[in-house]
C-alpha atoms as a PDB file:
ATOM      1  CA  MET A   1     144.716 -18.397  54.677  1.00  0.00           C
ATOM      2  CA  ARG A   2     144.189 -18.429  58.729  1.00  0.00           C
ATOM      3  CA  LYS A   3     141.163 -17.119  58.131  1.00  0.00           C
ATOM      4  CA  ILE A   4     140.207 -20.061  55.728  1.00  0.00           C
ATOM      5  CA  LEU A   5     141.164 -22.425  58.423  1.00  0.00           C
ATOM      6  CA  VAL A   6     139.199 -21.026  61.259  1.00  0.00           C
ATOM      7  CA  LEU A   7     135.929 -20.968  59.407  1.00  0.00           C
ATOM      8  CA  LEU A   8     136.652 -24.417  58.042  1.00  0.00           C
ATOM      9  CA  SER A   9     137.161 -25.503  62.072  1.00  0.00           C
ATOM     10  CA  ALA A  10     134.100 -23.601  62.815  1.00  0.00           C
ATOM     11  CA  VAL A  11     131.661 -25.565  60.599  1.00  0.00           C
ATOM     12  CA  LEU A  12     132.888 -29.035  61.471  1.00  0.00           C
ATOM     13  CA  LEU A  13     132.523 -28.152  65.374  1.00  0.00           C
ATOM     14  CA  SER A  14     128.810 -26.767  65.206  1.00  0.00           C
ATOM     15  CA  THR A  15     127.859 -30.273  63.023  1.00  0.00           C
ATOM     16  CA  PRO A  16     129.765 -33.276  64.672  1.00  0.00           C
ATOM     17  CA  LEU A  17     131.114 -35.663  62.544  1.00  0.00           C
ATOM     18  CA  TRP A  18     132.269 -39.017  64.294  1.00  0.00           C
ATOM     19  CA  ALA A  19     134.401 -41.465  61.880  1.00  0.00           C
ATOM     20  CA  GLN A  20     136.664 -44.382  62.239  1.00  0.00           C
ATOM     21  CA  TRP A  21     138.520 -45.861  59.466  1.00  0.00           C
ATOM     22  CA  SER A  22     141.768 -47.702  58.389  1.00  0.00           C
ATOM     23  CA  GLY A  23     143.781 -48.035  55.431  1.00  0.00           C
ATOM     24  CA  ASN A  24     146.726 -48.359  53.643  1.00  0.00           C
ATOM     25  CA  SER A  25     147.889 -44.747  54.118  1.00  0.00           C
ATOM     26  CA  SER A  26     146.095 -41.184  54.564  1.00  0.00           C
ATOM     27  CA  THR A  27     145.685 -41.251  50.643  1.00  0.00           C
ATOM     28  CA  ASP A  28     143.171 -44.233  50.661  1.00  0.00           C
ATOM     29  CA  PRO A  29     139.834 -43.164  49.082  1.00  0.00           C
ATOM     30  CA  ILE A  30     138.242 -46.119  50.570  1.00  0.00           C
ATOM     31  CA  TRP A  31     136.779 -46.134  54.406  1.00  0.00           C
ATOM     32  CA  ARG A  32     137.117 -49.716  55.915  1.00  0.00           C
ATOM     33  CA  LYS A  33     136.147 -51.400  58.762  1.00  0.00           C
ATOM     34  CA  GLY A  34     134.848 -48.189  59.932  1.00  0.00           C
ATOM     35  CA  ASN A  35     131.610 -46.502  61.320  1.00  0.00           C
ATOM     36  CA  VAL A  36     130.654 -42.979  60.108  1.00  0.00           C
ATOM     37  CA  GLY A  37     127.866 -40.985  62.246  1.00  0.00           C
ATOM     38  CA  ILE A  38     126.759 -37.560  61.569  1.00  0.00           C
ATOM     39  CA  GLY A  39     125.217 -35.257  63.614  1.00  0.00           C
ATOM     40  CA  LEU A  40     125.739 -38.108  66.522  1.00  0.00           C
ATOM     41  CA  GLU A  41     127.989 -40.902  67.969  1.00  0.00           C
ATOM     42  CA  PRO A  42     128.418 -43.845  65.696  1.00  0.00           C
ATOM     43  CA  SER A  43     126.432 -46.459  66.271  1.00  0.00           C
ATOM     44  CA  SER A  44     126.627 -50.441  65.741  1.00  0.00           C
ATOM     45  CA  SER A  45     125.617 -49.088  61.889  1.00  0.00           C
ATOM     46  CA  ARG A  46     127.780 -48.323  59.165  1.00  0.00           C
ATOM     47  CA  LEU A  47     126.382 -45.166  58.995  1.00  0.00           C
ATOM     48  CA  SER A  48     124.015 -43.215  61.085  1.00  0.00           C
ATOM     49  CA  VAL A  49     122.288 -39.809  60.537  1.00  0.00           C
ATOM     50  CA  TYR A  50     120.739 -37.305  62.826  1.00  0.00           C
ATOM     51  CA  GLN A  51     117.806 -35.620  61.479  1.00  0.00           C
ATOM     52  CA  ASP A  52     117.405 -35.174  57.301  1.00  0.00           C
ATOM     53  CA  MET A  53     119.448 -36.255  54.804  1.00  0.00           C
ATOM     54  CA  ALA A  54     118.999 -35.121  51.484  1.00  0.00           C
ATOM     55  CA  LEU A  55     120.201 -36.267  47.998  1.00  0.00           C
ATOM     56  CA  VAL A  56     120.338 -33.299  45.682  1.00  0.00           C
ATOM     57  CA  GLY A  57     120.309 -33.437  41.732  1.00  0.00           C
ATOM     58  CA  ASP A  58     118.160 -34.401  39.189  1.00  0.00           C
ATOM     59  CA  SER A  59     118.589 -38.299  38.696  1.00  0.00           C
ATOM     60  CA  ASN A  60     119.622 -39.796  42.287  1.00  0.00           C
ATOM     61  CA  PHE A  61     119.937 -43.243  43.023  1.00  0.00           C
ATOM     62  CA  LEU A  62     120.834 -44.675  46.738  1.00  0.00           C
ATOM     63  CA  LYS A  63     122.135 -47.870  46.209  1.00  0.00           C
ATOM     64  CA  PHE A  64     122.666 -50.798  48.289  1.00  0.00           C
ATOM     65  CA  GLN A  65     124.859 -53.616  46.918  1.00  0.00           C
ATOM     66  CA  LEU A  66     123.295 -57.462  48.013  1.00  0.00           C
ATOM     67  CA  SER A  67     126.745 -58.648  48.592  1.00  0.00           C
ATOM     68  CA  ASN A  68     130.143 -57.709  48.470  1.00  0.00           C
ATOM     69  CA  GLN A  69     130.671 -60.258  45.703  1.00  0.00           C
ATOM     70  CA  SER A  70     127.842 -59.170  43.654  1.00  0.00           C
ATOM     71  CA  SER A  71     127.861 -56.410  41.267  1.00  0.00           C
ATOM     72  CA  ILE A  72     123.127 -56.174  41.392  1.00  0.00           C
ATOM     73  CA  PHE A  73     122.442 -53.441  43.496  1.00  0.00           C
ATOM     74  CA  PHE A  74     119.048 -52.732  44.922  1.00  0.00           C
ATOM     75  CA  GLY A  75     118.217 -48.905  45.367  1.00  0.00           C
ATOM     76  CA  LEU A  76     115.758 -46.077  45.563  1.00  0.00           C
ATOM     77  CA  LYS A  77     115.767 -43.180  42.578  1.00  0.00           C
ATOM     78  CA  HIS A  78     114.103 -40.192  42.189  1.00  0.00           C
ATOM     79  CA  SER A  79     114.117 -38.910  38.261  1.00  0.00           C
ATOM     80  CA  GLN A  80     113.374 -35.711  36.794  1.00  0.00           C
ATOM     81  CA  ASN A  81     109.174 -36.779  36.485  1.00  0.00           C
ATOM     82  CA  ASN A  82     108.594 -36.718  39.778  1.00  0.00           C
ATOM     83  CA  ASN A  83     108.846 -40.485  40.874  1.00  0.00           C
ATOM     84  CA  LEU A  84     110.630 -42.366  43.638  1.00  0.00           C
ATOM     85  CA  ALA A  85     111.547 -45.934  42.192  1.00  0.00           C
ATOM     86  CA  ILE A  86     112.347 -48.967  43.832  1.00  0.00           C
ATOM     87  CA  GLY A  87     114.307 -51.527  41.722  1.00  0.00           C
ATOM     88  CA  PHE A  88     117.637 -53.103  40.591  1.00  0.00           C
ATOM     89  CA  ASP A  89     120.746 -52.026  38.822  1.00  0.00           C
ATOM     90  CA  ASP A  90     122.588 -55.223  37.282  1.00  0.00           C
ATOM     91  CA  GLY A  91     125.293 -52.784  35.518  1.00  0.00           C
ATOM     92  CA  ASN A  92     123.097 -52.622  32.327  1.00  0.00           C
ATOM     93  CA  GLY A  93     121.031 -50.008  33.725  1.00  0.00           C
ATOM     94  CA  PHE A  94     118.388 -49.340  36.490  1.00  0.00           C
ATOM     95  CA  ASP A  95     115.397 -51.719  36.225  1.00  0.00           C
ATOM     96  CA  SER A  96     112.367 -50.121  38.428  1.00  0.00           C
ATOM     97  CA  HIS A  97     109.949 -52.085  39.795  1.00  0.00           C
ATOM     98  CA  ILE A  98     107.842 -50.044  42.119  1.00  0.00           C
ATOM     99  CA  ILE A  99     106.862 -46.202  41.583  1.00  0.00           C
ATOM    100  CA  VAL A 100     105.662 -44.020  44.222  1.00  0.00           C
ATOM    101  CA  ARG A 101     104.607 -40.857  42.231  1.00  0.00           C
ATOM    102  CA  ASN A 102     104.374 -37.651  43.986  1.00  0.00           C
ATOM    103  CA  THR A 103     100.976 -37.319  43.715  1.00  0.00           C
ATOM    104  CA  GLY A 104     100.711 -40.716  46.123  1.00  0.00           C
ATOM    105  CA  ARG A 105      99.452 -43.537  43.634  1.00  0.00           C
ATOM    106  CA  VAL A 106     101.840 -46.450  43.238  1.00  0.00           C
ATOM    107  CA  GLY A 107     102.614 -48.575  40.552  1.00  0.00           C
ATOM    108  CA  ILE A 108     104.045 -52.338  41.046  1.00  0.00           C
ATOM    109  CA  GLY A 109     105.263 -53.427  37.093  1.00  0.00           C
ATOM    110  CA  ILE A 110     104.470 -50.124  35.530  1.00  0.00           C
ATOM    111  CA  ALA A 111     106.204 -47.567  33.551  1.00  0.00           C
ATOM    112  CA  PRO A 112     107.449 -45.243  35.503  1.00  0.00           C
ATOM    113  CA  GLY A 113     105.336 -42.172  33.627  1.00  0.00           C
ATOM    114  CA  PHE A 114     101.803 -44.130  34.148  1.00  0.00           C
ATOM    115  CA  GLN A 115      98.995 -42.140  34.069  1.00  0.00           C
ATOM    116  CA  ASP A 116      95.600 -43.491  35.952  1.00  0.00           C
ATOM    117  CA  GLU A 117      92.910 -42.403  39.047  1.00  0.00           C
ATOM    118  CA  ALA A 118      93.953 -45.845  41.012  1.00  0.00           C
ATOM    119  CA  LEU A 119      96.135 -45.433  44.211  1.00  0.00           C
ATOM    120  CA  LEU A 120      97.577 -48.560  43.482  1.00  0.00           C
ATOM    121  CA  LEU A 121      98.222 -49.849  39.976  1.00  0.00           C
ATOM    122  CA  VAL A 122      99.891 -53.043  39.468  1.00  0.00           C
ATOM    123  CA  ASP A 123     100.447 -55.106  36.137  1.00  0.00           C
ATOM    124  CA  GLY A 124     100.191 -59.067  36.604  1.00  0.00           C
ATOM    125  CA  GLN A 125      98.735 -61.218  39.481  1.00  0.00           C
ATOM    126  CA  ILE A 126      98.129 -60.560  43.598  1.00  0.00           C
ATOM    127  CA  LYS A 127      97.923 -63.061  45.817  1.00  0.00           C
ATOM    128  CA  GLY A 128      96.957 -63.415  49.447  1.00  0.00           C
ATOM    129  CA  GLU A 129      94.317 -64.831  51.855  1.00  0.00           C
ATOM    130  CA  GLU A 130      91.725 -62.708  51.861  1.00  0.00           C
ATOM    131  CA  VAL A 131      90.418 -59.147  49.629  1.00  0.00           C
ATOM    132  CA  LYS A 132      88.045 -56.719  51.794  1.00  0.00           C
ATOM    133  CA  VAL A 133      86.044 -54.419  49.309  1.00  0.00           C
ATOM    134  CA  GLU A 134      84.019 -51.608  51.003  1.00  0.00           C
ATOM    135  CA  ILE A 135      80.820 -51.363  49.490  1.00  0.00           C
ATOM    136  CA  VAL A 136      77.720 -48.080  49.621  1.00  0.00           C
ATOM    137  CA  GLY A 137      74.689 -50.965  49.499  1.00  0.00           C
ATOM    138  CA  GLY A 138      73.646 -54.098  49.600  1.00  0.00           C
ATOM    139  CA  ALA A 139      71.298 -55.553  47.338  1.00  0.00           C
ATOM    140  CA  ASP A 140      68.205 -56.675  49.812  1.00  0.00           C
ATOM    141  CA  PHE A 141      66.270 -53.912  48.026  1.00  0.00           C
ATOM    142  CA  VAL A 142      65.169 -56.778  45.953  1.00  0.00           C
ATOM    143  CA  PHE A 143      63.105 -58.253  48.444  1.00  0.00           C
ATOM    144  CA  GLU A 144      60.851 -55.091  48.937  1.00  0.00           C
ATOM    145  CA  SER A 145      57.145 -55.136  48.232  1.00  0.00           C
ATOM    146  CA  SER A 146      57.908 -52.210  45.982  1.00  0.00           C
ATOM    147  CA  TYR A 147      60.476 -54.029  43.473  1.00  0.00           C
ATOM    148  CA  GLN A 148      59.366 -54.710  40.315  1.00  0.00           C
ATOM    149  CA  LEU A 149      60.818 -57.966  39.427  1.00  0.00           C
ATOM    150  CA  ARG A 150      60.689 -59.054  35.940  1.00  0.00           C
ATOM    151  CA  THR A 151      59.048 -62.021  34.511  1.00  0.00           C
ATOM    152  CA  LEU A 152      60.648 -64.662  32.974  1.00  0.00           C
ATOM    153  CA  GLU A 153      59.241 -63.657  29.921  1.00  0.00           C
ATOM    154  CA  GLU A 154      60.699 -60.028  30.144  1.00  0.00           C
ATOM    155  CA  THR A 155      64.083 -61.647  31.093  1.00  0.00           C
ATOM    156  CA  GLU A 156      64.151 -64.082  28.575  1.00  0.00           C
ATOM    157  CA  ALA A 157      63.057 -61.269  25.674  1.00  0.00           C
ATOM    158  CA  PHE A 158      65.863 -59.116  27.080  1.00  0.00           C
ATOM    159  CA  ILE A 159      68.640 -61.947  26.933  1.00  0.00           C
ATOM    160  CA  ASN A 160      67.584 -62.892  23.293  1.00  0.00           C
ATOM    161  CA  GLU A 161      68.042 -59.395  22.406  1.00  0.00           C
ATOM    162  CA  ASN A 162      71.009 -58.600  24.100  1.00  0.00           C
ATOM    163  CA  GLN A 163      72.740 -61.770  25.425  1.00  0.00           C
ATOM    164  CA  HIS A 164      73.110 -60.739  28.574  1.00  0.00           C
ATOM    165  CA  LEU A 165      71.460 -60.495  31.820  1.00  0.00           C
ATOM    166  CA  PRO A 166      70.065 -57.403  32.411  1.00  0.00           C
ATOM    167  CA  GLU A 167      71.982 -54.758  34.608  1.00  0.00           C
ATOM    168  CA  ILE A 168      75.151 -56.931  33.884  1.00  0.00           C
ATOM    169  CA  ALA A 169      77.855 -55.501  31.215  1.00  0.00           C
ATOM    170  CA  SER A 170      78.415 -57.364  28.454  1.00  0.00           C
ATOM    171  CA  GLU A 171      81.753 -59.624  27.596  1.00  0.00           C
ATOM    172  CA  ASP A 172      82.917 -56.655  25.952  1.00  0.00           C
ATOM    173  CA  GLU A 173      82.089 -54.196  27.989  1.00  0.00           C
ATOM    174  CA  MET A 174      83.691 -56.047  30.255  1.00  0.00           C
ATOM    175  CA  LEU A 175      86.732 -57.011  28.224  1.00  0.00           C
ATOM    176  CA  ARG A 176      86.950 -53.298  27.433  1.00  0.00           C
ATOM    177  CA  ASN A 177      86.594 -51.335  30.536  1.00  0.00           C
ATOM    178  CA  GLY A 178      87.212 -54.591  32.958  1.00  0.00           C
ATOM    179  CA  ILE A 179      85.095 -54.947  36.347  1.00  0.00           C
ATOM    180  CA  LYS A 180      84.875 -53.194  39.844  1.00  0.00           C
ATOM    181  CA  VAL A 181      84.578 -55.863  42.136  1.00  0.00           C
ATOM    182  CA  GLY A 182      82.169 -54.731  44.954  1.00  0.00           C
ATOM    183  CA  GLU A 183      80.015 -53.358  42.144  1.00  0.00           C
ATOM    184  CA  LEU A 184      79.968 -56.359  40.220  1.00  0.00           C
ATOM    185  CA  ASN A 185      79.355 -58.815  43.255  1.00  0.00           C
ATOM    186  CA  MET A 186      76.369 -56.295  44.210  1.00  0.00           C
ATOM    187  CA  LYS A 187      74.990 -56.970  41.097  1.00  0.00           C
ATOM    188  CA  LEU A 188      75.554 -60.751  41.026  1.00  0.00           C
ATOM    189  CA  LEU A 189      73.857 -60.616  44.494  1.00  0.00           C
ATOM    190  CA  GLN A 190      71.165 -58.614  42.985  1.00  0.00           C
ATOM    191  CA  LYS A 191      70.665 -61.680  40.264  1.00  0.00           C
ATOM    192  CA  ILE A 192      70.743 -64.350  43.105  1.00  0.00           C
ATOM    193  CA  GLU A 193      68.215 -62.682  45.329  1.00  0.00           C
ATOM    194  CA  GLU A 194      65.985 -62.222  42.377  1.00  0.00           C
ATOM    195  CA  LEU A 195      66.185 -66.171  41.233  1.00  0.00           C
ATOM    196  CA  THR A 196      65.006 -66.581  44.672  1.00  0.00           C
ATOM    197  CA  LEU A 197      61.924 -64.986  44.129  1.00  0.00           C
ATOM    198  CA  TYR A 198      61.248 -66.808  41.106  1.00  0.00           C
ATOM    199  CA  LEU A 199      61.664 -70.003  43.071  1.00  0.00           C
ATOM    200  CA  ILE A 200      59.957 -69.234  45.416  1.00  0.00           C
ATOM    201  CA  GLU A 201      57.133 -67.835  43.187  1.00  0.00           C
ATOM    202  CA  GLN A 202      57.365 -71.402  40.879  1.00  0.00           C
ATOM    203  CA  ASN A 203      57.368 -73.332  44.343  1.00  0.00           C
ATOM    204  CA  LYS A 204      53.810 -71.754  45.054  1.00  0.00           C
ATOM    205  CA  GLN A 205      52.424 -72.515  41.762  1.00  0.00           C
ATOM    206  CA  ASN A 206      53.663 -76.473  42.055  1.00  0.00           C
ATOM    207  CA  GLN A 207      52.101 -76.416  45.718  1.00  0.00           C
ATOM    208  CA  SER A 208      48.834 -75.156  44.144  1.00  0.00           C
ATOM    209  CA  GLN A 209      49.164 -77.575  41.009  1.00  0.00           C
ATOM    210  CA  GLN A 210      49.565 -80.742  43.394  1.00  0.00           C
ATOM    211  CA  ALA A 211      46.697 -79.688  45.488  1.00  0.00           C
ATOM    212  CA  GLU A 212      44.948 -79.352  42.412  1.00  0.00           C
ATOM    213  CA  ILE A 213      45.924 -82.549  41.016  1.00  0.00           C
ATOM    214  CA  ALA A 214      45.120 -84.034  44.180  1.00  0.00           C
ATOM    215  CA  ALA A 215      42.297 -82.770  44.214  1.00  0.00           C
ATOM    216  CA  LEU A 216      41.213 -84.088  40.690  1.00  0.00           C
ATOM    217  CA  LYS A 217      42.719 -87.486  41.637  1.00  0.00           C
ATOM    218  CA  GLU A 218      39.876 -87.669  44.407  1.00  0.00           C
ATOM    219  CA  ARG A 219      37.324 -86.700  41.951  1.00  0.00           C
ATOM    220  CA  VAL A 220      38.047 -89.495  40.006  1.00  0.00           C
ATOM    221  CA  ASN A 221      38.184 -92.026  42.637  1.00  0.00           C
ATOM    222  CA  GLN A 222      34.532 -90.911  43.757  1.00  0.00           C
ATOM    223  CA  LEU A 223      33.447 -91.261  40.274  1.00  0.00           C
ATOM    224  CA  GLU A 224      34.913 -94.603  39.771  1.00  0.00           C
ATOM    225  CA  ASP A 225      33.419 -95.791  43.030  1.00  0.00           C
ATOM    226  CA  GLN A 226      30.074 -94.967  41.635  1.00  0.00           C
END
């Protein structure tokens, strides 16, 4: 018995544990009105831990009660399928809202076992003031002299056959695979630049026609004056 007490004392002295609590008696299992420090003196927080703290088990749940009167807990939960879930437990089971997988991928509003190549997967709307998308290239190649611009007749034939613009995915494909925002924006910019070239060419033709019309009017006036 003496050996056990000596060993227990050595363990407690090697890892400092400070605690203050008050209860009805020494047998009261609930610690009240006290701060606990593990590995350091207690701070203003209820629990202070120096260095690492580990929860070991197949299904660990770190709960934070929202209020003294509430039965709803906010918490972090680690499950067997290598997910860290952030969510709520209202007494009817844990409802996860954010899933962090051991691969670094994050799901919001997604089932815990989601499989996707995206680093962030959201089932729902995302609202913000600005979204910046990195791109690998623009669409200014349209203005290069070597660019082969389709004629309007070729574009019309393509639309009549396929019911969508060249180099733009069809509606069915977009519904099936979704869209890549950066890639689609560059394709739309390409079409705007192509449209600009069409307008420039049309303006040249209009100016040429206007000059021909003016020359014809002048010729008619000359003939009428004779």
